[in-house]
N, C-alpha and C. Protein backbone atom coordinates (compact mmCIF):
# COMPACT_ATOMS: atom_id res chain seq x y z
N MET A 1 -10.74 9.45 26.67
CA MET A 1 -11.43 10.63 26.25
C MET A 1 -12.67 10.92 26.50
N LYS A 2 -13.51 9.87 27.16
CA LYS A 2 -14.86 10.18 27.83
C LYS A 2 -14.55 11.34 28.91
N LYS A 3 -13.77 11.45 29.63
CA LYS A 3 -13.58 12.16 30.64
C LYS A 3 -13.38 13.48 30.59
N ASN A 4 -12.49 14.29 29.38
CA ASN A 4 -11.95 15.00 28.84
C ASN A 4 -12.92 15.93 27.80
N PRO A 5 -13.76 17.10 28.41
CA PRO A 5 -14.68 17.33 27.72
C PRO A 5 -14.30 18.28 26.28
N ILE A 6 -12.87 18.84 26.67
CA ILE A 6 -12.24 19.55 25.19
C ILE A 6 -12.30 18.53 23.89
N LEU A 7 -11.73 17.61 24.34
CA LEU A 7 -11.38 16.66 23.34
C LEU A 7 -12.82 15.79 22.95
N ARG A 8 -13.77 15.76 23.71
CA ARG A 8 -14.95 14.98 23.59
C ARG A 8 -15.74 16.44 22.54
N GLU A 9 -15.78 17.44 22.89
CA GLU A 9 -16.40 18.36 21.96
C GLU A 9 -15.70 18.64 20.75
N THR A 10 -14.54 18.87 20.63
CA THR A 10 -13.50 18.85 19.30
C THR A 10 -14.19 17.69 18.54
N SER A 11 -14.40 16.60 19.13
CA SER A 11 -13.68 15.32 18.21
C SER A 11 -15.76 15.28 17.86
N HIS A 12 -16.97 15.49 18.44
CA HIS A 12 -18.03 15.73 17.94
C HIS A 12 -18.20 16.65 16.81
N VAL A 13 -17.24 18.03 16.69
CA VAL A 13 -17.30 18.49 15.71
C VAL A 13 -16.89 18.18 14.50
N LEU A 14 -15.60 17.09 14.98
CA LEU A 14 -14.84 16.88 13.67
C LEU A 14 -15.62 15.44 13.10
N ILE A 15 -16.07 14.89 13.86
CA ILE A 15 -16.60 13.71 13.10
C ILE A 15 -17.36 13.80 11.72
N PRO A 16 -18.60 14.76 11.62
CA PRO A 16 -19.23 14.80 10.70
C PRO A 16 -17.83 15.76 9.20
N VAL A 17 -17.21 16.58 9.90
CA VAL A 17 -16.35 17.24 8.72
C VAL A 17 -15.64 15.67 8.34
N ILE A 18 -14.97 14.96 9.18
CA ILE A 18 -14.07 13.87 8.25
C ILE A 18 -14.82 12.98 7.60
N LEU A 19 -16.05 12.78 7.58
CA LEU A 19 -17.56 11.69 6.89
C LEU A 19 -17.28 12.50 5.57
N LEU A 20 -17.54 14.12 5.99
CA LEU A 20 -18.22 14.55 4.38
C LEU A 20 -16.32 14.76 3.55
N PHE A 21 -15.47 14.89 4.22
CA PHE A 21 -14.40 14.90 3.63
C PHE A 21 -14.10 13.06 2.92
N ALA A 22 -14.55 12.71 3.64
CA ALA A 22 -14.43 11.11 2.39
C ALA A 22 -15.06 11.21 1.86
N LEU A 23 -16.49 11.60 1.94
CA LEU A 23 -17.52 11.85 0.29
C LEU A 23 -16.32 12.70 -0.74
N TYR A 24 -15.82 13.42 -0.14
CA TYR A 24 -15.20 14.01 -0.69
C TYR A 24 -14.04 13.34 -1.64
N VAL A 25 -13.41 12.92 -1.30
CA VAL A 25 -12.19 12.40 -1.78
C VAL A 25 -12.94 10.97 -2.40
N GLN A 26 -14.05 10.34 -2.30
CA GLN A 26 -14.84 9.11 -2.58
C GLN A 26 -15.36 9.98 -4.22
N PHE A 27 -15.78 10.77 -4.31
CA PHE A 27 -15.83 11.37 -5.44
C PHE A 27 -15.44 11.96 -6.36
N HIS A 28 -14.35 12.60 -5.78
CA HIS A 28 -13.09 13.51 -6.90
C HIS A 28 -12.32 12.34 -7.25
N GLY A 29 -12.26 11.36 -6.66
CA GLY A 29 -11.21 10.33 -7.31
C GLY A 29 -11.17 9.95 -8.88
N ASP A 30 -12.32 10.29 -9.17
CA ASP A 30 -12.09 10.20 -10.77
C ASP A 30 -11.76 11.26 -11.62
N TYR A 31 -11.53 12.28 -10.73
CA TYR A 31 -11.02 13.59 -11.46
C TYR A 31 -9.34 13.95 -11.37
N GLY A 32 -8.99 13.35 -10.15
CA GLY A 32 -7.74 13.29 -9.50
C GLY A 32 -7.21 12.51 -8.53
N PRO A 33 -6.16 12.78 -8.04
CA PRO A 33 -5.67 11.59 -7.23
C PRO A 33 -6.50 11.35 -5.75
N GLY A 34 -6.82 10.18 -5.05
CA GLY A 34 -7.84 10.15 -4.20
C GLY A 34 -8.71 8.98 -4.85
N GLY A 35 -9.78 8.49 -3.96
CA GLY A 35 -11.02 7.30 -4.73
C GLY A 35 -11.45 6.65 -3.56
N GLY A 36 -11.54 5.28 -4.20
CA GLY A 36 -12.18 4.59 -3.15
C GLY A 36 -11.50 4.31 -2.04
N PHE A 37 -10.35 3.67 -1.96
CA PHE A 37 -9.39 2.90 -0.55
C PHE A 37 -9.38 4.41 -0.01
N GLN A 38 -8.36 5.50 -0.09
CA GLN A 38 -8.72 6.68 0.57
C GLN A 38 -9.83 6.99 1.18
N ALA A 39 -10.87 7.10 0.33
CA ALA A 39 -12.13 7.63 0.92
C ALA A 39 -12.43 6.44 2.10
N GLY A 40 -12.47 5.34 2.26
CA GLY A 40 -13.23 4.20 2.75
C GLY A 40 -12.07 4.16 3.86
N VAL A 41 -10.56 4.74 3.95
CA VAL A 41 -10.02 4.65 5.33
C VAL A 41 -10.58 5.79 6.22
N ILE A 42 -10.75 7.01 5.72
CA ILE A 42 -10.67 8.33 6.10
C ILE A 42 -12.40 7.96 6.46
N PHE A 43 -13.22 6.99 5.60
CA PHE A 43 -14.44 7.24 6.27
C PHE A 43 -14.32 6.30 7.93
N ALA A 44 -13.93 5.36 7.46
CA ALA A 44 -13.61 4.51 9.04
C ALA A 44 -13.14 5.15 9.95
N SER A 45 -12.09 5.97 9.55
CA SER A 45 -11.48 6.52 10.70
C SER A 45 -12.18 7.70 11.50
N GLY A 46 -13.53 8.07 10.71
CA GLY A 46 -14.28 8.64 11.51
C GLY A 46 -15.55 7.82 12.15
N ILE A 47 -15.63 6.89 12.04
CA ILE A 47 -16.33 5.91 12.91
C ILE A 47 -15.62 5.56 13.90
N ILE A 48 -14.58 4.92 13.95
CA ILE A 48 -13.61 4.43 15.20
C ILE A 48 -13.30 5.80 15.78
N LEU A 49 -13.29 6.89 15.61
CA LEU A 49 -13.34 7.74 16.92
C LEU A 49 -14.46 8.15 17.55
N TYR A 50 -15.80 7.73 16.64
CA TYR A 50 -16.99 7.57 17.47
C TYR A 50 -17.32 6.63 18.40
N VAL A 51 -16.63 5.41 17.76
CA VAL A 51 -16.15 4.33 18.85
C VAL A 51 -15.24 4.64 20.05
N LEU A 52 -14.22 5.29 20.04
CA LEU A 52 -13.76 5.89 20.96
C LEU A 52 -14.50 6.72 22.12
N LEU A 53 -15.24 7.56 21.60
CA LEU A 53 -15.69 8.76 22.52
C LEU A 53 -17.03 7.87 22.88
N HIS A 54 -17.92 7.12 22.22
CA HIS A 54 -19.19 6.21 22.66
C HIS A 54 -19.14 4.91 23.08
N GLY A 55 -18.10 4.56 22.82
CA GLY A 55 -17.91 2.75 23.15
C GLY A 55 -18.25 2.51 22.00
N ILE A 56 -18.04 0.89 22.06
CA ILE A 56 -18.71 0.05 20.78
C ILE A 56 -19.89 0.00 21.17
N LYS A 57 -20.38 -0.56 21.90
CA LYS A 57 -22.10 -1.15 22.15
C LYS A 57 -22.84 -0.18 21.53
N LYS A 58 -22.42 1.39 21.55
CA LYS A 58 -23.22 2.20 21.59
C LYS A 58 -23.37 2.76 20.15
N THR A 59 -21.81 2.51 19.54
CA THR A 59 -21.61 2.37 17.94
C THR A 59 -22.52 1.25 17.17
N GLU A 60 -22.37 0.07 18.16
CA GLU A 60 -23.00 -1.01 17.17
C GLU A 60 -24.34 -0.83 17.18
N LYS A 61 -25.05 -0.11 17.99
CA LYS A 61 -26.59 -0.04 17.34
C LYS A 61 -26.54 0.58 16.23
N ILE A 62 -25.96 1.49 15.44
CA ILE A 62 -25.67 2.16 14.19
C ILE A 62 -25.38 1.61 13.50
N ILE A 63 -24.16 1.12 13.90
CA ILE A 63 -23.39 0.47 12.15
C ILE A 63 -22.96 -1.07 12.87
N SER A 64 -23.74 -2.43 13.15
CA SER A 64 -22.92 -3.64 13.65
C SER A 64 -22.43 -4.34 12.93
N LEU A 65 -21.61 -5.21 13.63
CA LEU A 65 -21.01 -6.46 12.66
C LEU A 65 -21.65 -6.68 11.60
N GLN A 66 -22.72 -7.27 11.87
CA GLN A 66 -23.10 -7.88 10.44
C GLN A 66 -23.64 -7.11 9.49
N THR A 67 -23.77 -5.60 9.84
CA THR A 67 -23.83 -4.73 8.82
C THR A 67 -22.56 -4.57 8.07
N THR A 68 -21.61 -4.20 8.53
CA THR A 68 -20.10 -4.28 7.99
C THR A 68 -20.07 -5.67 7.03
N LYS A 69 -20.52 -6.72 7.33
CA LYS A 69 -19.84 -7.77 6.26
C LYS A 69 -21.03 -7.83 5.33
N LEU A 70 -22.22 -7.53 5.55
CA LEU A 70 -23.47 -7.03 3.94
C LEU A 70 -22.34 -6.08 3.38
N LEU A 71 -21.84 -4.64 4.11
CA LEU A 71 -21.42 -3.86 3.25
C LEU A 71 -20.23 -4.02 2.49
N ALA A 72 -19.29 -5.42 3.14
CA ALA A 72 -18.03 -5.26 2.28
C ALA A 72 -18.59 -6.56 0.94
N ALA A 73 -19.88 -7.40 1.37
CA ALA A 73 -19.82 -7.91 -0.24
C ALA A 73 -20.52 -7.26 -0.94
N LEU A 74 -21.81 -5.96 -0.46
CA LEU A 74 -22.15 -5.32 -1.24
C LEU A 74 -20.68 -4.65 -2.45
N GLY A 75 -19.88 -4.31 -1.67
CA GLY A 75 -19.25 -3.30 -2.55
C GLY A 75 -18.30 -4.11 -3.48
N LEU A 76 -18.33 -5.18 -3.07
CA LEU A 76 -17.43 -6.39 -3.50
C LEU A 76 -18.47 -6.69 -4.92
N LEU A 77 -19.89 -6.92 -4.68
CA LEU A 77 -20.94 -6.93 -5.73
C LEU A 77 -20.56 -5.83 -6.69
N ILE A 78 -20.64 -4.49 -6.48
CA ILE A 78 -20.52 -3.46 -7.28
C ILE A 78 -19.78 -3.33 -7.92
N TYR A 79 -18.39 -3.74 -7.38
CA TYR A 79 -17.18 -3.61 -8.14
C TYR A 79 -17.46 -4.81 -9.42
N CYS A 80 -17.53 -5.71 -9.21
CA CYS A 80 -17.77 -7.12 -9.93
C CYS A 80 -18.86 -6.61 -11.12
N ALA A 81 -20.30 -6.04 -10.67
CA ALA A 81 -21.09 -5.51 -11.57
C ALA A 81 -20.66 -4.71 -12.58
N VAL A 82 -20.00 -4.14 -12.56
CA VAL A 82 -19.09 -2.85 -13.50
C VAL A 82 -18.26 -3.67 -14.44
N GLY A 83 -17.62 -4.91 -13.97
CA GLY A 83 -16.77 -5.54 -14.70
C GLY A 83 -17.76 -6.50 -15.64
N VAL A 84 -18.73 -7.46 -15.39
CA VAL A 84 -19.41 -8.11 -15.76
C VAL A 84 -20.51 -7.16 -16.81
N ALA A 85 -20.30 -5.85 -16.40
CA ALA A 85 -21.75 -5.21 -17.52
C ALA A 85 -20.55 -4.62 -18.79
N GLY A 86 -19.49 -4.45 -18.46
CA GLY A 86 -18.72 -4.28 -19.59
C GLY A 86 -18.40 -5.36 -20.28
N MET A 87 -18.55 -6.55 -19.70
CA MET A 87 -18.63 -8.23 -20.73
C MET A 87 -19.89 -7.93 -21.80
N LEU A 88 -20.87 -7.72 -20.68
CA LEU A 88 -22.32 -7.89 -21.27
C LEU A 88 -22.42 -7.00 -22.78
N LEU A 89 -21.71 -5.77 -22.58
CA LEU A 89 -21.64 -4.71 -23.43
C LEU A 89 -21.20 -5.03 -24.32
N GLY A 90 -20.27 -5.92 -24.44
CA GLY A 90 -19.19 -6.03 -25.88
C GLY A 90 -17.78 -6.31 -25.35
N GLY A 91 -17.55 -5.48 -24.66
CA GLY A 91 -16.15 -4.97 -24.00
C GLY A 91 -15.23 -6.62 -23.48
N LEU A 92 -14.16 -6.15 -22.85
CA LEU A 92 -13.73 -7.00 -21.76
C LEU A 92 -14.37 -6.40 -20.29
N PHE A 93 -13.62 -7.39 -19.54
CA PHE A 93 -13.70 -7.12 -17.96
C PHE A 93 -13.07 -6.07 -17.65
N LEU A 94 -13.84 -4.78 -16.90
CA LEU A 94 -13.34 -3.95 -16.72
C LEU A 94 -13.03 -2.89 -17.49
N GLU A 95 -13.54 -3.04 -18.59
CA GLU A 95 -13.51 -2.36 -19.83
C GLU A 95 -14.32 -1.15 -19.83
N TYR A 96 -14.02 -0.11 -19.82
CA TYR A 96 -15.42 1.09 -19.14
C TYR A 96 -15.67 1.68 -20.61
N ASN A 97 -14.96 1.55 -21.75
CA ASN A 97 -15.57 2.17 -23.03
C ASN A 97 -16.77 2.13 -23.29
N VAL A 98 -17.21 0.73 -23.10
CA VAL A 98 -18.33 0.20 -23.43
C VAL A 98 -19.77 0.98 -22.84
N LEU A 99 -19.26 1.38 -21.45
CA LEU A 99 -20.39 1.42 -20.42
C LEU A 99 -21.27 2.43 -21.14
N ALA A 100 -20.99 3.51 -21.90
CA ALA A 100 -22.19 4.29 -22.39
C ALA A 100 -21.65 4.59 -24.24
N ALA A 101 -22.56 5.33 -24.57
CA ALA A 101 -22.46 5.64 -25.88
C ALA A 101 -20.88 6.61 -26.29
N ASP A 102 -20.54 7.54 -25.50
CA ASP A 102 -19.24 7.88 -25.87
C ASP A 102 -18.51 7.24 -24.81
N PRO A 103 -17.29 7.11 -25.26
CA PRO A 103 -16.33 6.14 -24.51
C PRO A 103 -15.35 6.88 -23.28
N VAL A 104 -15.40 8.31 -23.30
CA VAL A 104 -15.00 9.09 -22.32
C VAL A 104 -16.27 9.25 -21.03
N ALA A 105 -17.36 8.89 -21.68
CA ALA A 105 -18.46 9.11 -20.67
C ALA A 105 -18.73 7.67 -19.82
N GLY A 106 -18.37 6.89 -20.61
CA GLY A 106 -18.29 5.19 -20.06
C GLY A 106 -16.69 5.26 -19.00
N GLN A 107 -15.79 5.85 -19.32
CA GLN A 107 -14.61 5.89 -18.49
C GLN A 107 -15.20 6.25 -17.08
N HIS A 108 -15.86 7.54 -17.08
CA HIS A 108 -16.01 7.98 -16.11
C HIS A 108 -17.01 7.09 -15.03
N TRP A 109 -17.98 7.06 -16.02
CA TRP A 109 -19.07 6.01 -14.95
C TRP A 109 -18.31 4.73 -14.05
N GLY A 110 -17.43 3.94 -14.93
CA GLY A 110 -16.97 2.92 -15.07
C GLY A 110 -16.18 3.36 -13.31
N ILE A 111 -15.50 4.02 -13.49
CA ILE A 111 -14.42 4.73 -12.62
C ILE A 111 -15.12 5.05 -11.35
N LEU A 112 -16.38 5.72 -11.50
CA LEU A 112 -16.98 6.39 -10.36
C LEU A 112 -17.59 5.19 -9.21
N PHE A 113 -18.06 3.78 -10.09
CA PHE A 113 -18.63 3.03 -9.67
C PHE A 113 -17.81 2.12 -9.09
N ILE A 114 -16.73 1.87 -9.67
CA ILE A 114 -15.76 1.01 -9.27
C ILE A 114 -15.20 1.77 -7.82
N GLU A 115 -15.04 2.92 -7.92
CA GLU A 115 -14.12 3.09 -6.83
C GLU A 115 -14.92 3.18 -5.84
N LEU A 116 -16.56 3.83 -5.99
CA LEU A 116 -17.46 3.37 -5.10
C LEU A 116 -17.89 2.14 -4.22
N GLY A 117 -17.39 0.93 -5.07
CA GLY A 117 -17.21 -0.18 -4.55
C GLY A 117 -16.15 -0.47 -4.00
N VAL A 118 -14.90 0.17 -4.16
CA VAL A 118 -13.51 -0.17 -3.35
C VAL A 118 -13.86 0.72 -2.13
N GLY A 119 -14.31 1.89 -2.19
CA GLY A 119 -14.72 2.65 -1.03
C GLY A 119 -15.46 2.03 -0.15
N ILE A 120 -16.38 1.51 -0.11
CA ILE A 120 -17.29 0.80 0.69
C ILE A 120 -17.27 -0.68 1.16
N THR A 121 -16.13 -1.44 0.34
CA THR A 121 -15.47 -2.63 1.12
C THR A 121 -14.46 -1.94 1.95
N VAL A 122 -13.95 -1.03 1.35
CA VAL A 122 -12.61 -1.06 2.20
C VAL A 122 -12.89 -0.61 4.06
N ALA A 123 -14.03 0.57 3.81
CA ALA A 123 -14.83 1.22 5.02
C ALA A 123 -15.33 0.27 5.93
N SER A 124 -15.59 -0.86 5.13
CA SER A 124 -16.43 -1.57 5.83
C SER A 124 -15.81 -3.15 6.48
N VAL A 125 -14.76 -3.50 5.64
CA VAL A 125 -13.40 -4.24 6.07
C VAL A 125 -12.79 -3.78 7.47
N ILE A 126 -12.38 -2.24 7.45
CA ILE A 126 -11.60 -1.90 8.63
C ILE A 126 -12.42 -2.04 9.82
N LEU A 127 -13.89 -1.60 9.58
CA LEU A 127 -14.44 -1.38 10.61
C LEU A 127 -14.57 -2.48 11.45
N ALA A 128 -14.88 -3.81 10.52
CA ALA A 128 -15.38 -5.22 10.71
C ALA A 128 -13.80 -5.41 11.50
N VAL A 129 -12.69 -5.41 11.15
CA VAL A 129 -11.54 -5.82 12.05
C VAL A 129 -11.74 -4.84 13.29
N PHE A 130 -11.75 -3.56 13.14
CA PHE A 130 -11.31 -2.72 14.47
C PHE A 130 -12.45 -3.61 15.85
N TYR A 131 -13.86 -3.34 14.95
CA TYR A 131 -14.60 -4.26 15.69
C TYR A 131 -14.54 -5.77 16.68
N ALA A 132 -13.81 -6.26 15.97
CA ALA A 132 -13.06 -8.03 16.14
C ALA A 132 -11.77 -7.53 17.39
N PHE A 133 -10.93 -6.83 17.24
CA PHE A 133 -10.27 -5.92 17.85
C PHE A 133 -10.63 -5.44 19.76
N ALA A 134 -11.94 -4.52 19.33
CA ALA A 134 -11.85 -4.42 19.88
C ALA A 134 -13.11 -4.84 21.42
N LYS A 135 -13.59 -6.12 20.61
CA LYS A 135 -14.15 -6.94 21.44
C LYS A 135 -13.31 -8.07 21.98
N PHE A 136 -11.97 -7.89 21.92
CA PHE A 136 -11.19 -9.21 21.94
C PHE A 136 -11.26 -8.67 23.63
N GLU A 137 -11.28 -10.06 24.07
CA GLU A 137 -11.28 -9.93 25.98
C GLU A 137 -9.80 -10.89 26.47
N LYS A 138 -8.93 -10.75 27.29
CA LYS A 138 -8.34 -11.82 27.37
C LYS A 138 -8.84 -12.80 28.34
């Protein structure tokens, strides 16, 4: 793809749109279909397209393998923190009703943060797996 100017320029236009669509899916997930997993996959695909255009070395200057590992842990931490917060507020693990004074608002905030944790984890794990395969040499 590096030698084809049409594909290269089209991809440069599409990458920001792909990443923006991933954010839309992420934050629309608590109102309708979609959410963290789908957004994570879409976001990772935008970064993978960038790798195909510019190579793994240039991409790792932006988001390294170490960063993807830290982000995977952060996403899992966000997910678990929501569950523990529910327990500390008198509910069960991942019971969102107790996260706010209004149970509906608690559901909204709980799902929003759970989906955020899932999205961060999925995107970073997919990128880590892609980096592992991209660096593999015979």
